[in-house]
Amino acid sequence: MITIQPMTMADYEDVIKLWQATEGIHISRSDTREAIAAYLERNPEMSFVARIEEGKLAGAALCGHDGRRGYLHHMAVRADCRGMGIGRQLSDRCMAALRAAGIHKCHLFVIRRNVSGRAFWEQTGWLERSDLIIMSKELDA
């Protein structure tokens, strides 16, 4: 049985280990305990975890919005739990939370070399944008 529930800071240790172990997810200083706590506080009940038997973490999705657009940052499903519909369930819950908040569009970030991640998102109806590029700037530089 799979249970999907809002992510809390009690999930942090399990979630960060999953993200670190998942190819295609880049962990940065924005993923510290303090940074994730602040993100979850600003975006309550937008991020979710999936647990299977005995409460073992099977997947997690970090999602939020800026009042205009939604953003799905990190979503991962444990390799041995893939193919069970967990990724779709997590994504669906995130999108439902965004819709309930009045958000009509969501963006997600996929590392270009993450072939399996890109395939998943394409299979679930997401479109790669060819009209945009993402530009970033380190604010501490």
N, C-alpha and C. Protein backbone atom coordinates (compact mmCIF):
# COMPACT_ATOMS: atom_id res chain seq x y z
N MET A 1 0.84 -1.18 0.00
CA MET A 1 0.00 0.00 0.00
C MET A 1 0.88 1.25 0.00
N ILE A 2 0.49 2.21 -0.80
CA ILE A 2 1.24 3.47 -0.91
C ILE A 2 0.43 4.56 -0.23
N THR A 3 1.08 5.33 0.64
CA THR A 3 0.42 6.49 1.24
C THR A 3 1.18 7.74 0.82
N ILE A 4 0.43 8.75 0.41
CA ILE A 4 0.99 10.04 0.03
C ILE A 4 0.55 11.03 1.09
N GLN A 5 1.51 11.77 1.63
CA GLN A 5 1.18 12.76 2.66
C GLN A 5 2.07 13.98 2.49
N PRO A 6 1.63 15.13 3.02
CA PRO A 6 2.46 16.33 2.92
C PRO A 6 3.83 16.12 3.57
N MET A 7 4.85 16.65 2.94
CA MET A 7 6.21 16.59 3.48
C MET A 7 6.31 17.51 4.69
N THR A 8 6.97 17.02 5.74
CA THR A 8 7.27 17.82 6.92
C THR A 8 8.77 17.72 7.19
N MET A 9 9.24 18.51 8.10
CA MET A 9 10.67 18.44 8.44
C MET A 9 11.04 17.12 9.10
N ALA A 10 10.07 16.40 9.62
CA ALA A 10 10.36 15.06 10.16
C ALA A 10 10.79 14.10 9.05
N ASP A 11 10.46 14.43 7.80
CA ASP A 11 10.84 13.61 6.65
C ASP A 11 12.22 13.96 6.10
N TYR A 12 12.80 15.07 6.56
CA TYR A 12 13.98 15.63 5.90
C TYR A 12 15.12 14.62 5.72
N GLU A 13 15.52 13.92 6.75
CA GLU A 13 16.67 13.02 6.65
C GLU A 13 16.44 11.94 5.59
N ASP A 14 15.26 11.34 5.58
CA ASP A 14 14.95 10.33 4.56
C ASP A 14 14.93 10.94 3.17
N VAL A 15 14.33 12.12 3.05
CA VAL A 15 14.18 12.76 1.75
C VAL A 15 15.53 13.17 1.18
N ILE A 16 16.38 13.80 1.99
CA ILE A 16 17.68 14.26 1.47
C ILE A 16 18.53 13.06 1.04
N LYS A 17 18.44 11.95 1.77
CA LYS A 17 19.17 10.74 1.36
C LYS A 17 18.66 10.23 0.02
N LEU A 18 17.35 10.25 -0.16
CA LEU A 18 16.78 9.81 -1.44
C LEU A 18 17.26 10.72 -2.56
N TRP A 19 17.17 12.03 -2.37
CA TRP A 19 17.61 12.96 -3.41
C TRP A 19 19.09 12.77 -3.73
N GLN A 20 19.91 12.58 -2.69
CA GLN A 20 21.35 12.39 -2.91
C GLN A 20 21.63 11.11 -3.69
N ALA A 21 20.80 10.10 -3.50
CA ALA A 21 21.02 8.80 -4.15
C ALA A 21 20.40 8.73 -5.55
N THR A 22 19.67 9.76 -5.94
CA THR A 22 18.94 9.72 -7.21
C THR A 22 19.72 10.43 -8.30
N GLU A 23 20.09 9.67 -9.33
CA GLU A 23 20.78 10.26 -10.47
C GLU A 23 19.87 11.29 -11.13
N GLY A 24 20.44 12.41 -11.49
CA GLY A 24 19.66 13.45 -12.15
C GLY A 24 19.16 14.53 -11.20
N ILE A 25 19.38 14.35 -9.89
CA ILE A 25 19.01 15.40 -8.94
C ILE A 25 20.29 16.02 -8.42
N HIS A 26 20.36 17.33 -8.53
CA HIS A 26 21.52 18.09 -8.08
C HIS A 26 21.20 18.73 -6.73
N ILE A 27 21.94 18.35 -5.71
CA ILE A 27 21.75 18.90 -4.36
C ILE A 27 22.69 20.09 -4.21
N SER A 28 22.15 21.17 -3.65
CA SER A 28 22.95 22.38 -3.47
C SER A 28 22.73 22.94 -2.06
N ARG A 29 23.31 24.08 -1.80
CA ARG A 29 23.13 24.71 -0.49
C ARG A 29 21.69 25.16 -0.27
N SER A 30 20.89 25.17 -1.31
CA SER A 30 19.46 25.47 -1.18
C SER A 30 18.69 24.29 -0.60
N ASP A 31 19.36 23.17 -0.39
CA ASP A 31 18.71 21.97 0.11
C ASP A 31 19.11 21.63 1.55
N THR A 32 19.70 22.60 2.25
CA THR A 32 20.02 22.36 3.66
C THR A 32 18.73 22.23 4.46
N ARG A 33 18.85 21.70 5.65
CA ARG A 33 17.69 21.56 6.53
C ARG A 33 16.98 22.91 6.71
N GLU A 34 17.76 23.95 6.95
CA GLU A 34 17.18 25.28 7.18
C GLU A 34 16.47 25.80 5.94
N ALA A 35 17.09 25.62 4.78
CA ALA A 35 16.49 26.11 3.54
C ALA A 35 15.20 25.36 3.20
N ILE A 36 15.19 24.06 3.39
CA ILE A 36 13.98 23.28 3.11
C ILE A 36 12.89 23.63 4.12
N ALA A 37 13.25 23.84 5.38
CA ALA A 37 12.26 24.24 6.38
C ALA A 37 11.59 25.56 5.98
N ALA A 38 12.39 26.52 5.53
CA ALA A 38 11.84 27.81 5.10
C ALA A 38 10.95 27.63 3.87
N TYR A 39 11.36 26.78 2.95
CA TYR A 39 10.57 26.53 1.73
C TYR A 39 9.22 25.91 2.08
N LEU A 40 9.24 24.90 2.95
CA LEU A 40 7.99 24.25 3.33
C LEU A 40 7.08 25.21 4.09
N GLU A 41 7.66 26.08 4.88
CA GLU A 41 6.86 27.07 5.62
C GLU A 41 6.19 28.06 4.66
N ARG A 42 6.91 28.47 3.62
CA ARG A 42 6.34 29.40 2.62
C ARG A 42 5.33 28.71 1.71
N ASN A 43 5.45 27.40 1.59
CA ASN A 43 4.60 26.63 0.67
C ASN A 43 3.98 25.44 1.41
N PRO A 44 3.12 25.70 2.38
CA PRO A 44 2.59 24.59 3.19
C PRO A 44 1.72 23.63 2.36
N GLU A 45 1.91 22.34 2.63
CA GLU A 45 1.14 21.26 2.01
C GLU A 45 1.15 21.30 0.48
N MET A 46 2.33 21.66 -0.06
CA MET A 46 2.54 21.65 -1.52
C MET A 46 3.53 20.54 -1.91
N SER A 47 4.38 20.14 -0.98
CA SER A 47 5.38 19.09 -1.21
C SER A 47 4.89 17.82 -0.53
N PHE A 48 5.25 16.66 -1.12
CA PHE A 48 4.68 15.41 -0.63
C PHE A 48 5.73 14.30 -0.57
N VAL A 49 5.46 13.33 0.30
CA VAL A 49 6.26 12.11 0.37
C VAL A 49 5.34 10.92 0.14
N ALA A 50 5.91 9.88 -0.41
CA ALA A 50 5.20 8.61 -0.60
C ALA A 50 5.89 7.58 0.28
N ARG A 51 5.09 6.85 1.04
CA ARG A 51 5.63 5.80 1.90
C ARG A 51 4.93 4.49 1.58
N ILE A 52 5.71 3.42 1.74
CA ILE A 52 5.17 2.08 1.51
C ILE A 52 5.20 1.34 2.85
N GLU A 53 5.15 0.02 2.80
CA GLU A 53 5.06 -0.78 4.02
C GLU A 53 6.05 -0.32 5.09
N GLU A 54 5.56 -0.38 6.32
CA GLU A 54 6.35 0.00 7.49
C GLU A 54 6.84 1.44 7.43
N GLY A 55 6.18 2.26 6.65
CA GLY A 55 6.52 3.68 6.59
C GLY A 55 7.79 4.01 5.84
N LYS A 56 8.32 3.07 5.05
CA LYS A 56 9.56 3.33 4.31
C LYS A 56 9.31 4.35 3.21
N LEU A 57 10.23 5.32 3.11
CA LEU A 57 10.11 6.34 2.08
C LEU A 57 10.32 5.72 0.70
N ALA A 58 9.37 5.97 -0.19
CA ALA A 58 9.47 5.47 -1.56
C ALA A 58 9.68 6.59 -2.56
N GLY A 59 9.26 7.81 -2.22
CA GLY A 59 9.40 8.93 -3.14
C GLY A 59 9.13 10.24 -2.44
N ALA A 60 9.53 11.32 -3.09
CA ALA A 60 9.33 12.66 -2.52
C ALA A 60 9.32 13.69 -3.64
N ALA A 61 8.52 14.74 -3.44
CA ALA A 61 8.44 15.83 -4.41
C ALA A 61 8.44 17.17 -3.67
N LEU A 62 9.32 18.07 -4.09
CA LEU A 62 9.42 19.41 -3.51
C LEU A 62 8.73 20.38 -4.48
N CYS A 63 7.65 20.98 -4.04
CA CYS A 63 6.83 21.81 -4.91
C CYS A 63 6.40 23.07 -4.17
N GLY A 64 6.24 24.15 -4.91
CA GLY A 64 5.76 25.40 -4.33
C GLY A 64 5.40 26.38 -5.42
N HIS A 65 5.13 27.62 -5.02
CA HIS A 65 4.77 28.64 -6.00
C HIS A 65 5.19 30.02 -5.50
N ASP A 66 5.20 30.95 -6.44
CA ASP A 66 5.55 32.34 -6.10
C ASP A 66 4.33 33.25 -6.15
N GLY A 67 3.13 32.67 -6.20
CA GLY A 67 1.91 33.43 -6.31
C GLY A 67 1.42 33.54 -7.74
N ARG A 68 2.28 33.25 -8.68
CA ARG A 68 1.94 33.34 -10.11
C ARG A 68 2.15 32.01 -10.82
N ARG A 69 3.29 31.38 -10.61
CA ARG A 69 3.63 30.11 -11.24
C ARG A 69 4.04 29.10 -10.17
N GLY A 70 3.74 27.83 -10.48
CA GLY A 70 4.19 26.75 -9.63
C GLY A 70 5.55 26.26 -10.10
N TYR A 71 6.27 25.64 -9.18
CA TYR A 71 7.59 25.09 -9.49
C TYR A 71 7.74 23.74 -8.81
N LEU A 72 8.14 22.76 -9.59
CA LEU A 72 8.44 21.44 -9.07
C LEU A 72 9.95 21.29 -9.16
N HIS A 73 10.60 21.26 -8.00
CA HIS A 73 12.06 21.30 -7.98
C HIS A 73 12.69 19.91 -7.97
N HIS A 74 12.46 19.15 -6.95
CA HIS A 74 13.05 17.81 -6.84
C HIS A 74 11.92 16.80 -6.72
N MET A 75 11.88 15.84 -7.62
CA MET A 75 10.99 14.71 -7.44
C MET A 75 11.80 13.46 -7.71
N ALA A 76 11.72 12.53 -6.78
CA ALA A 76 12.48 11.28 -6.91
C ALA A 76 11.64 10.13 -6.39
N VAL A 77 11.81 8.99 -7.03
CA VAL A 77 11.22 7.74 -6.57
C VAL A 77 12.36 6.74 -6.45
N ARG A 78 12.39 6.04 -5.33
CA ARG A 78 13.43 5.03 -5.12
C ARG A 78 13.44 4.06 -6.29
N ALA A 79 14.62 3.67 -6.73
CA ALA A 79 14.77 2.82 -7.92
C ALA A 79 13.96 1.54 -7.81
N ASP A 80 13.93 0.92 -6.63
CA ASP A 80 13.20 -0.34 -6.47
C ASP A 80 11.69 -0.15 -6.34
N CYS A 81 11.23 1.10 -6.36
CA CYS A 81 9.79 1.39 -6.26
C CYS A 81 9.24 1.98 -7.56
N ARG A 82 10.07 2.10 -8.57
CA ARG A 82 9.60 2.67 -9.83
C ARG A 82 8.67 1.70 -10.54
N GLY A 83 7.77 2.25 -11.33
CA GLY A 83 6.80 1.43 -12.04
C GLY A 83 5.56 1.11 -11.23
N MET A 84 5.45 1.68 -10.03
CA MET A 84 4.30 1.45 -9.16
C MET A 84 3.30 2.61 -9.20
N GLY A 85 3.58 3.62 -10.02
CA GLY A 85 2.69 4.78 -10.09
C GLY A 85 2.97 5.85 -9.06
N ILE A 86 4.06 5.71 -8.32
CA ILE A 86 4.36 6.66 -7.25
C ILE A 86 4.69 8.04 -7.81
N GLY A 87 5.49 8.10 -8.85
CA GLY A 87 5.85 9.39 -9.45
C GLY A 87 4.62 10.13 -9.93
N ARG A 88 3.73 9.43 -10.58
CA ARG A 88 2.49 10.05 -11.07
C ARG A 88 1.63 10.53 -9.90
N GLN A 89 1.53 9.72 -8.85
CA GLN A 89 0.73 10.12 -7.69
C GLN A 89 1.30 11.36 -7.02
N LEU A 90 2.62 11.40 -6.87
CA LEU A 90 3.25 12.58 -6.27
C LEU A 90 3.02 13.82 -7.13
N SER A 91 3.23 13.68 -8.42
CA SER A 91 3.02 14.79 -9.34
C SER A 91 1.57 15.26 -9.31
N ASP A 92 0.64 14.32 -9.33
CA ASP A 92 -0.79 14.68 -9.30
C ASP A 92 -1.14 15.44 -8.02
N ARG A 93 -0.60 15.00 -6.89
CA ARG A 93 -0.90 15.69 -5.62
C ARG A 93 -0.32 17.10 -5.63
N CYS A 94 0.89 17.24 -6.16
CA CYS A 94 1.48 18.58 -6.24
C CYS A 94 0.64 19.49 -7.13
N MET A 95 0.23 18.99 -8.29
CA MET A 95 -0.55 19.81 -9.21
C MET A 95 -1.91 20.17 -8.61
N ALA A 96 -2.53 19.25 -7.88
CA ALA A 96 -3.80 19.53 -7.21
C ALA A 96 -3.63 20.63 -6.16
N ALA A 97 -2.53 20.57 -5.42
CA ALA A 97 -2.27 21.60 -4.40
C ALA A 97 -2.07 22.96 -5.05
N LEU A 98 -1.35 22.99 -6.17
CA LEU A 98 -1.15 24.25 -6.88
C LEU A 98 -2.48 24.79 -7.43
N ARG A 99 -3.28 23.92 -8.02
CA ARG A 99 -4.59 24.37 -8.53
C ARG A 99 -5.45 24.93 -7.40
N ALA A 100 -5.44 24.27 -6.25
CA ALA A 100 -6.22 24.74 -5.10
C ALA A 100 -5.75 26.12 -4.62
N ALA A 101 -4.49 26.44 -4.87
CA ALA A 101 -3.94 27.75 -4.50
C ALA A 101 -4.15 28.79 -5.60
N GLY A 102 -4.84 28.41 -6.67
CA GLY A 102 -5.12 29.35 -7.75
C GLY A 102 -4.00 29.49 -8.77
N ILE A 103 -3.08 28.54 -8.78
CA ILE A 103 -1.97 28.56 -9.72
C ILE A 103 -2.39 27.79 -10.98
N HIS A 104 -2.16 28.38 -12.14
CA HIS A 104 -2.64 27.80 -13.40
C HIS A 104 -1.54 27.21 -14.28
N LYS A 105 -0.28 27.41 -13.90
CA LYS A 105 0.82 26.87 -14.71
C LYS A 105 1.96 26.49 -13.77
N CYS A 106 2.62 25.39 -14.10
CA CYS A 106 3.75 24.93 -13.29
C CYS A 106 4.94 24.67 -14.20
N HIS A 107 6.11 25.01 -13.71
CA HIS A 107 7.36 24.71 -14.40
C HIS A 107 8.12 23.68 -13.58
N LEU A 108 8.94 22.91 -14.24
CA LEU A 108 9.84 22.02 -13.51
C LEU A 108 11.21 22.08 -14.18
N PHE A 109 12.19 21.67 -13.43
CA PHE A 109 13.57 21.73 -13.89
C PHE A 109 14.10 20.30 -13.98
N VAL A 110 14.61 19.94 -15.15
CA VAL A 110 15.18 18.61 -15.36
C VAL A 110 16.58 18.81 -15.93
N ILE A 111 17.56 18.20 -15.30
CA ILE A 111 18.92 18.27 -15.82
C ILE A 111 18.93 17.60 -17.20
N ARG A 112 19.50 18.26 -18.17
CA ARG A 112 19.44 17.82 -19.56
C ARG A 112 19.87 16.36 -19.73
N ARG A 113 20.87 15.91 -19.02
CA ARG A 113 21.37 14.54 -19.19
C ARG A 113 20.52 13.50 -18.44
N ASN A 114 19.48 13.94 -17.74
CA ASN A 114 18.60 13.03 -17.00
C ASN A 114 17.57 12.44 -17.97
N VAL A 115 18.00 11.46 -18.74
CA VAL A 115 17.18 10.88 -19.80
C VAL A 115 15.92 10.23 -19.24
N SER A 116 16.04 9.45 -18.18
CA SER A 116 14.85 8.78 -17.64
C SER A 116 13.87 9.78 -17.05
N GLY A 117 14.39 10.82 -16.40
CA GLY A 117 13.52 11.86 -15.87
C GLY A 117 12.77 12.59 -16.97
N ARG A 118 13.48 12.93 -18.02
CA ARG A 118 12.84 13.62 -19.14
C ARG A 118 11.76 12.74 -19.76
N ALA A 119 12.04 11.46 -19.90
CA ALA A 119 11.06 10.53 -20.48
C ALA A 119 9.81 10.46 -19.60
N PHE A 120 10.00 10.39 -18.28
CA PHE A 120 8.84 10.36 -17.38
C PHE A 120 7.97 11.59 -17.56
N TRP A 121 8.58 12.76 -17.55
CA TRP A 121 7.80 13.99 -17.65
C TRP A 121 7.10 14.10 -19.00
N GLU A 122 7.77 13.70 -20.06
CA GLU A 122 7.12 13.73 -21.38
C GLU A 122 5.93 12.77 -21.43
N GLN A 123 6.09 11.59 -20.83
CA GLN A 123 5.01 10.60 -20.81
C GLN A 123 3.81 11.07 -19.98
N THR A 124 4.02 11.98 -19.06
CA THR A 124 2.93 12.46 -18.21
C THR A 124 2.40 13.82 -18.66
N GLY A 125 2.73 14.20 -19.90
CA GLY A 125 2.10 15.38 -20.49
C GLY A 125 2.85 16.69 -20.40
N TRP A 126 4.07 16.68 -19.88
CA TRP A 126 4.85 17.90 -19.79
C TRP A 126 5.56 18.14 -21.12
N LEU A 127 5.73 19.39 -21.48
CA LEU A 127 6.37 19.76 -22.73
C LEU A 127 7.66 20.52 -22.48
N GLU A 128 8.69 20.13 -23.22
CA GLU A 128 9.95 20.88 -23.16
C GLU A 128 9.77 22.19 -23.90
N ARG A 129 10.18 23.27 -23.28
CA ARG A 129 10.07 24.59 -23.90
C ARG A 129 11.33 24.87 -24.71
N SER A 130 11.14 25.18 -25.98
CA SER A 130 12.28 25.53 -26.81
C SER A 130 12.44 27.04 -26.96
N ASP A 131 11.45 27.78 -26.44
CA ASP A 131 11.48 29.23 -26.58
C ASP A 131 12.13 29.94 -25.39
N LEU A 132 12.55 29.17 -24.39
CA LEU A 132 13.15 29.76 -23.19
C LEU A 132 14.49 29.13 -22.88
N ILE A 133 15.33 29.89 -22.24
CA ILE A 133 16.52 29.33 -21.60
C ILE A 133 16.48 29.79 -20.16
N ILE A 134 17.09 29.03 -19.29
CA ILE A 134 17.16 29.42 -17.89
C ILE A 134 18.51 30.06 -17.66
N MET A 135 18.49 31.20 -17.04
CA MET A 135 19.72 31.90 -16.67
C MET A 135 19.74 32.02 -15.16
N SER A 136 20.90 31.83 -14.57
CA SER A 136 21.04 31.87 -13.12
C SER A 136 22.18 32.79 -12.74
N LYS A 137 22.11 33.31 -11.53
CA LYS A 137 23.18 34.15 -11.00
C LYS A 137 23.34 33.85 -9.52
N GLU A 138 24.56 33.58 -9.11
CA GLU A 138 24.87 33.38 -7.70
C GLU A 138 24.83 34.73 -7.00
N LEU A 139 24.01 34.87 -6.00
CA LEU A 139 23.87 36.16 -5.32
C LEU A 139 24.97 36.42 -4.30
N ASP A 140 25.71 35.38 -3.94
CA ASP A 140 26.81 35.54 -2.98
C ASP A 140 28.13 35.82 -3.67
N ALA A 141 28.12 35.86 -5.00
CA ALA A 141 29.38 36.02 -5.76
C ALA A 141 29.84 37.46 -5.76
